[in-house]
PDB file of N, CA and C in Angstrom:
ATOM      1  N   MET A   1      -1.916  -7.094 -17.446  1.00  0.00           N
ATOM      2  CA  MET A   1      -1.004  -5.960 -16.925  1.00  0.00           C
ATOM      3  C   MET A   1      -0.215  -6.244 -15.811  1.00  0.00           C
ATOM      4  N   SER A   2       1.094  -5.656 -15.687  1.00  0.00           N
ATOM      5  CA  SER A   2       1.964  -5.882 -14.746  1.00  0.00           C
ATOM      6  C   SER A   2       1.567  -5.405 -13.452  1.00  0.00           C
ATOM      7  N   ASN A   3       1.693  -6.432 -12.414  1.00  0.00           N
ATOM      8  CA  ASN A   3       1.516  -6.093 -10.871  1.00  0.00           C
ATOM      9  C   ASN A   3       2.154  -5.356 -10.360  1.00  0.00           C
ATOM     10  N   ILE A   4       3.666  -5.239 -10.547  1.00  0.00           N
ATOM     11  CA  ILE A   4       4.748  -4.529  -9.865  1.00  0.00           C
ATOM     12  C   ILE A   4       4.887  -3.025 -10.625  1.00  0.00           C
ATOM     13  N   LYS A   5       4.639  -2.018  -9.978  1.00  0.00           N
ATOM     14  CA  LYS A   5       4.967  -0.753 -10.590  1.00  0.00           C
ATOM     15  C   LYS A   5       6.369  -0.362  -9.860  1.00  0.00           C
ATOM     16  N   LEU A   6       6.903   0.791 -10.444  1.00  0.00           N
ATOM     17  CA  LEU A   6       8.100   1.359  -9.801  1.00  0.00           C
ATOM     18  C   LEU A   6       7.917   2.770  -9.618  1.00  0.00           C
ATOM     19  N   PHE A   7       8.418   3.228  -8.374  1.00  0.00           N
ATOM     20  CA  PHE A   7       8.453   4.783  -7.975  1.00  0.00           C
ATOM     21  C   PHE A   7       9.693   5.019  -7.599  1.00  0.00           C
ATOM     22  N   GLU A   8      10.561   5.722  -8.087  1.00  0.00           N
ATOM     23  CA  GLU A   8      11.908   5.909  -7.844  1.00  0.00           C
ATOM     24  C   GLU A   8      12.725   4.686  -7.400  1.00  0.00           C
ATOM     25  N   SER A   9      12.418   3.660  -8.362  1.00  0.00           N
ATOM     26  CA  SER A   9      13.315   2.422  -8.432  1.00  0.00           C
ATOM     27  C   SER A   9      12.723   1.556  -7.119  1.00  0.00           C
ATOM     28  N   LYS A  10      11.777   1.837  -6.589  1.00  0.00           N
ATOM     29  CA  LYS A  10      11.177   0.829  -5.201  1.00  0.00           C
ATOM     30  C   LYS A  10       9.953   0.442  -5.844  1.00  0.00           C
ATOM     31  N   LYS A  11       9.903  -0.811  -5.552  1.00  0.00           N
ATOM     32  CA  LYS A  11       8.757  -1.655  -6.015  1.00  0.00           C
ATOM     33  C   LYS A  11       7.281  -1.498  -5.256  1.00  0.00           C
ATOM     34  N   ILE A  12       6.246  -1.114  -6.005  1.00  0.00           N
ATOM     35  CA  ILE A  12       4.975  -1.098  -5.448  1.00  0.00           C
ATOM     36  C   ILE A  12       4.167  -1.943  -6.168  1.00  0.00           C
ATOM     37  N   ARG A  13       3.519  -2.927  -5.238  1.00  0.00           N
ATOM     38  CA  ARG A  13       2.581  -3.862  -5.622  1.00  0.00           C
ATOM     39  C   ARG A  13       1.339  -3.417  -6.056  1.00  0.00           C
ATOM     40  N   ALA A  14       0.560  -3.755  -6.995  1.00  0.00           N
ATOM     41  CA  ALA A  14      -0.711  -3.281  -7.682  1.00  0.00           C
ATOM     42  C   ALA A  14      -1.448  -4.422  -8.288  1.00  0.00           C
ATOM     43  N   ALA A  15      -2.755  -4.061  -8.303  1.00  0.00           N
ATOM     44  CA  ALA A  15      -3.542  -4.978  -8.867  1.00  0.00           C
ATOM     45  C   ALA A  15      -4.744  -4.104  -9.615  1.00  0.00           C
ATOM     46  N   TRP A  16      -5.033  -4.640 -10.887  1.00  0.00           N
ATOM     47  CA  TRP A  16      -5.948  -3.975 -11.877  1.00  0.00           C
ATOM     48  C   TRP A  16      -7.266  -4.404 -11.591  1.00  0.00           C
ATOM     49  N   HIS A  17      -8.177  -3.623 -11.526  1.00  0.00           N
ATOM     50  CA  HIS A  17      -9.784  -4.169 -11.171  1.00  0.00           C
ATOM     51  C   HIS A  17     -10.227  -3.854 -12.679  1.00  0.00           C
ATOM     52  N   GLU A  18     -10.616  -4.840 -13.453  1.00  0.00           N
ATOM     53  CA  GLU A  18     -11.285  -4.868 -14.781  1.00  0.00           C
ATOM     54  C   GLU A  18     -12.621  -4.059 -14.696  1.00  0.00           C
ATOM     55  N   GLY A  19     -13.530  -4.218 -13.714  1.00  0.00           N
ATOM     56  CA  GLY A  19     -14.972  -3.842 -13.834  1.00  0.00           C
ATOM     57  C   GLY A  19     -14.864  -2.303 -13.230  1.00  0.00           C
ATOM     58  N   GLU A  20     -13.914  -2.059 -12.527  1.00  0.00           N
ATOM     59  CA  GLU A  20     -13.750  -0.498 -12.397  1.00  0.00           C
ATOM     60  C   GLU A  20     -12.904   0.286 -13.125  1.00  0.00           C
ATOM     61  N   GLN A  21     -12.189  -0.619 -13.904  1.00  0.00           N
ATOM     62  CA  GLN A  21     -11.243  -0.095 -14.568  1.00  0.00           C
ATOM     63  C   GLN A  21     -10.029   1.140 -14.068  1.00  0.00           C
ATOM     64  N   LYS A  22      -9.612   0.535 -12.956  1.00  0.00           N
ATOM     65  CA  LYS A  22      -8.721   1.315 -12.310  1.00  0.00           C
ATOM     66  C   LYS A  22      -7.672   0.518 -11.314  1.00  0.00           C
ATOM     67  N   TRP A  23      -6.414   1.038 -10.970  1.00  0.00           N
ATOM     68  CA  TRP A  23      -5.699   0.193 -10.513  1.00  0.00           C
ATOM     69  C   TRP A  23      -5.887   0.485  -8.867  1.00  0.00           C
ATOM     70  N   TYR A  24      -5.305  -0.389  -7.861  1.00  0.00           N
ATOM     71  CA  TYR A  24      -5.225  -0.523  -6.545  1.00  0.00           C
ATOM     72  C   TYR A  24      -3.777  -0.837  -6.161  1.00  0.00           C
ATOM     73  N   PHE A  25      -3.110  -0.122  -5.194  1.00  0.00           N
ATOM     74  CA  PHE A  25      -1.786  -0.161  -4.958  1.00  0.00           C
ATOM     75  C   PHE A  25      -1.588  -0.625  -3.245  1.00  0.00           C
ATOM     76  N   SER A  26      -0.801  -1.224  -3.060  1.00  0.00           N
ATOM     77  CA  SER A  26      -0.166  -1.627  -1.638  1.00  0.00           C
ATOM     78  C   SER A  26      -0.044  -0.388  -0.858  1.00  0.00           C
ATOM     79  N   VAL A  27      -0.769  -0.147   0.074  1.00  0.00           N
ATOM     80  CA  VAL A  27      -0.638   1.064   1.047  1.00  0.00           C
ATOM     81  C   VAL A  27       0.814   0.931   1.659  1.00  0.00           C
ATOM     82  N   ALA A  28       1.219  -0.335   2.206  1.00  0.00           N
ATOM     83  CA  ALA A  28       2.301  -0.531   2.952  1.00  0.00           C
ATOM     84  C   ALA A  28       3.536  -0.096   1.855  1.00  0.00           C
ATOM     85  N   ASP A  29       3.644  -0.720   0.646  1.00  0.00           N
ATOM     86  CA  ASP A  29       4.393  -0.603  -0.358  1.00  0.00           C
ATOM     87  C   ASP A  29       4.794   0.923  -0.752  1.00  0.00           C
ATOM     88  N   VAL A  30       3.462   1.665  -0.769  1.00  0.00           N
ATOM     89  CA  VAL A  30       3.700   3.376  -1.005  1.00  0.00           C
ATOM     90  C   VAL A  30       4.182   3.949   0.104  1.00  0.00           C
ATOM     91  N   VAL A  31       3.793   3.607   1.448  1.00  0.00           N
ATOM     92  CA  VAL A  31       4.270   4.114   2.775  1.00  0.00           C
ATOM     93  C   VAL A  31       5.978   4.023   2.791  1.00  0.00           C
ATOM     94  N   GLU A  32       6.389   2.936   2.558  1.00  0.00           N
ATOM     95  CA  GLU A  32       7.710   2.606   2.536  1.00  0.00           C
ATOM     96  C   GLU A  32       8.493   3.621   1.529  1.00  0.00           C
ATOM     97  N   ALA A  33       7.941   3.378   0.255  1.00  0.00           N
ATOM     98  CA  ALA A  33       8.415   4.373  -0.797  1.00  0.00           C
ATOM     99  C   ALA A  33       8.624   5.802  -0.603  1.00  0.00           C
ATOM    100  N   LEU A  34       7.538   6.361   0.247  1.00  0.00           N
ATOM    101  CA  LEU A  34       7.476   7.794   0.299  1.00  0.00           C
ATOM    102  C   LEU A  34       8.284   7.989   1.877  1.00  0.00           C
ATOM    103  N   THR A  35       8.235   6.913   2.721  1.00  0.00           N
ATOM    104  CA  THR A  35       8.800   7.526   4.247  1.00  0.00           C
ATOM    105  C   THR A  35      10.253   6.982   4.335  1.00  0.00           C
ATOM    106  N   ASP A  36      10.674   6.156   3.647  1.00  0.00           N
ATOM    107  CA  ASP A  36      11.989   5.440   3.900  1.00  0.00           C
ATOM    108  C   ASP A  36      12.080   4.752   5.267  1.00  0.00           C
ATOM    109  N   SER A  37      10.785   4.524   5.761  1.00  0.00           N
ATOM    110  CA  SER A  37      10.628   4.049   7.159  1.00  0.00           C
ATOM    111  C   SER A  37      11.382   2.684   7.158  1.00  0.00           C
ATOM    112  N   SER A  38      12.286   2.635   8.352  1.00  0.00           N
ATOM    113  CA  SER A  38      13.116   1.340   8.676  1.00  0.00           C
ATOM    114  C   SER A  38      12.088  -0.041   9.015  1.00  0.00           C
ATOM    115  N   ASP A  39      10.882   0.366   9.478  1.00  0.00           N
ATOM    116  CA  ASP A  39       9.674  -0.456  10.012  1.00  0.00           C
ATOM    117  C   ASP A  39       8.434  -0.126   9.531  1.00  0.00           C
ATOM    118  N   VAL A  40       8.106  -0.430   8.139  1.00  0.00           N
ATOM    119  CA  VAL A  40       7.032  -0.089   7.525  1.00  0.00           C
ATOM    120  C   VAL A  40       5.653  -0.543   8.322  1.00  0.00           C
ATOM    121  N   LYS A  41       5.857  -1.701   9.026  1.00  0.00           N
ATOM    122  CA  LYS A  41       4.609  -2.553   9.338  1.00  0.00           C
ATOM    123  C   LYS A  41       4.335  -1.407  10.657  1.00  0.00           C
ATOM    124  N   GLN A  42       5.138  -1.208  11.678  1.00  0.00           N
ATOM    125  CA  GLN A  42       5.031  -0.378  12.723  1.00  0.00           C
ATOM    126  C   GLN A  42       4.753   1.072  12.598  1.00  0.00           C
ATOM    127  N   TYR A  43       5.050   1.801  11.461  1.00  0.00           N
ATOM    128  CA  TYR A  43       4.760   2.972  10.829  1.00  0.00           C
ATOM    129  C   TYR A  43       3.231   2.978  10.441  1.00  0.00           C
ATOM    130  N   VAL A  44       2.867   1.872   9.715  1.00  0.00           N
ATOM    131  CA  VAL A  44       1.453   2.013   9.310  1.00  0.00           C
ATOM    132  C   VAL A  44       0.409   1.646  10.533  1.00  0.00           C
ATOM    133  N   LYS A  45       1.065   0.649  11.558  1.00  0.00           N
ATOM    134  CA  LYS A  45       0.293   0.457  12.695  1.00  0.00           C
ATOM    135  C   LYS A  45      -0.033   1.776  13.477  1.00  0.00           C
ATOM    136  N   ARG A  46       0.943   2.500  13.787  1.00  0.00           N
ATOM    137  CA  ARG A  46       0.904   3.952  14.367  1.00  0.00           C
ATOM    138  C   ARG A  46      -0.148   4.806  13.772  1.00  0.00           C
ATOM    139  N   MET A  47       0.002   4.599  12.332  1.00  0.00           N
ATOM    140  CA  MET A  47      -0.927   5.616  11.536  1.00  0.00           C
ATOM    141  C   MET A  47      -2.403   4.936  11.846  1.00  0.00           C
ATOM    142  N   ARG A  48      -2.547   3.936  11.992  1.00  0.00           N
ATOM    143  CA  ARG A  48      -3.805   3.270  12.034  1.00  0.00           C
ATOM    144  C   ARG A  48      -4.578   3.602  13.441  1.00  0.00           C
ATOM    145  N   GLN A  49      -3.608   3.637  14.364  1.00  0.00           N
ATOM    146  CA  GLN A  49      -3.912   3.845  15.914  1.00  0.00           C
ATOM    147  C   GLN A  49      -4.337   5.246  15.949  1.00  0.00           C
ATOM    148  N   ARG A  50      -3.747   6.111  15.273  1.00  0.00           N
ATOM    149  CA  ARG A  50      -3.833   7.381  15.365  1.00  0.00           C
ATOM    150  C   ARG A  50      -5.314   8.046  14.458  1.00  0.00           C
ATOM    151  N   ASP A  51      -5.484   7.295  13.473  1.00  0.00           N
ATOM    152  CA  ASP A  51      -6.536   7.642  12.760  1.00  0.00           C
ATOM    153  C   ASP A  51      -7.797   6.616  12.635  1.00  0.00           C
ATOM    154  N   PRO A  52      -8.840   6.539  13.517  1.00  0.00           N
ATOM    155  CA  PRO A  52      -9.919   5.379  13.550  1.00  0.00           C
ATOM    156  C   PRO A  52     -10.567   5.238  12.154  1.00  0.00           C
ATOM    157  N   GLU A  53     -10.708   6.273  11.260  1.00  0.00           N
ATOM    158  CA  GLU A  53     -11.439   6.187  10.101  1.00  0.00           C
ATOM    159  C   GLU A  53     -10.635   5.581   9.177  1.00  0.00           C
ATOM    160  N   LEU A  54      -9.215   5.874   9.054  1.00  0.00           N
ATOM    161  CA  LEU A  54      -8.313   5.079   8.220  1.00  0.00           C
ATOM    162  C   LEU A  54      -8.448   3.514   8.831  1.00  0.00           C
ATOM    163  N   ASN A  55      -8.249   3.289  10.052  1.00  0.00           N
ATOM    164  CA  ASN A  55      -8.309   1.779  10.456  1.00  0.00           C
ATOM    165  C   ASN A  55      -9.669   1.202  10.037  1.00  0.00           C
ATOM    166  N   SER A  56     -10.613   1.917   9.896  1.00  0.00           N
ATOM    167  CA  SER A  56     -12.013   1.247   9.791  1.00  0.00           C
ATOM    168  C   SER A  56     -12.024   0.745   8.320  1.00  0.00           C
ATOM    169  N   TYR A  57     -11.134   1.341   7.297  1.00  0.00           N
ATOM    170  CA  TYR A  57     -11.341   1.152   5.871  1.00  0.00           C
ATOM    171  C   TYR A  57     -10.103   0.304   5.392  1.00  0.00           C
ATOM    172  N   TRP A  58      -9.283  -0.059   6.320  1.00  0.00           N
ATOM    173  CA  TRP A  58      -7.887  -0.805   6.186  1.00  0.00           C
ATOM    174  C   TRP A  58      -8.166  -2.108   5.533  1.00  0.00           C
ATOM    175  N   GLY A  59      -7.636  -2.680   4.571  1.00  0.00           N
ATOM    176  CA  GLY A  59      -7.569  -3.663   3.839  1.00  0.00           C
ATOM    177  C   GLY A  59      -6.538  -3.713   2.521  1.00  0.00           C
ATOM    178  N   THR A  60      -6.727  -4.872   1.939  1.00  0.00           N
ATOM    179  CA  THR A  60      -5.794  -4.885   0.671  1.00  0.00           C
ATOM    180  C   THR A  60      -6.416  -6.164  -0.053  1.00  0.00           C
ATOM    181  N   ILE A  61      -5.918  -5.837  -1.396  1.00  0.00           N
ATOM    182  CA  ILE A  61      -6.244  -7.018  -2.354  1.00  0.00           C
ATOM    183  C   ILE A  61      -4.991  -7.403  -2.844  1.00  0.00           C
ATOM    184  N   CYS A  62      -3.861  -6.931  -2.504  1.00  0.00           N
ATOM    185  CA  CYS A  62      -2.597  -7.263  -3.009  1.00  0.00           C
ATOM    186  C   CYS A  62      -1.950  -8.261  -1.455  1.00  0.00           C
ATOM    187  N   THR A  63      -1.340  -9.268  -2.106  1.00  0.00           N
ATOM    188  CA  THR A  63      -0.939 -10.428  -1.212  1.00  0.00           C
ATOM    189  C   THR A  63       0.462  -9.982  -0.645  1.00  0.00           C
ATOM    190  N   PRO A  64       0.539 -10.008   1.041  1.00  0.00           N
ATOM    191  CA  PRO A  64       1.764  -9.419   1.629  1.00  0.00           C
ATOM    192  C   PRO A  64       2.711 -10.252   1.306  1.00  0.00           C
ATOM    193  N   PRO A  65       3.990  -9.509   1.042  1.00  0.00           N
ATOM    194  CA  PRO A  65       5.068 -10.529   0.896  1.00  0.00           C
ATOM    195  C   PRO A  65       5.875 -11.403   1.872  1.00  0.00           C
TER     196      PRO A  65
END
């Protein structure tokens, strides 16, 4: 299955988990697609600082670009 999905012509990295039968998507890619942020890393960093629960679950199984 494809590891790149498109959302309004923007690339979103994805990984299929066979055991769970579901897709996982790169949060940074989704944030970039939805916000048009000029600096996604800083945007996500601020989100994580504001939300300790989000920060505690932060992780990815997609390789960063």
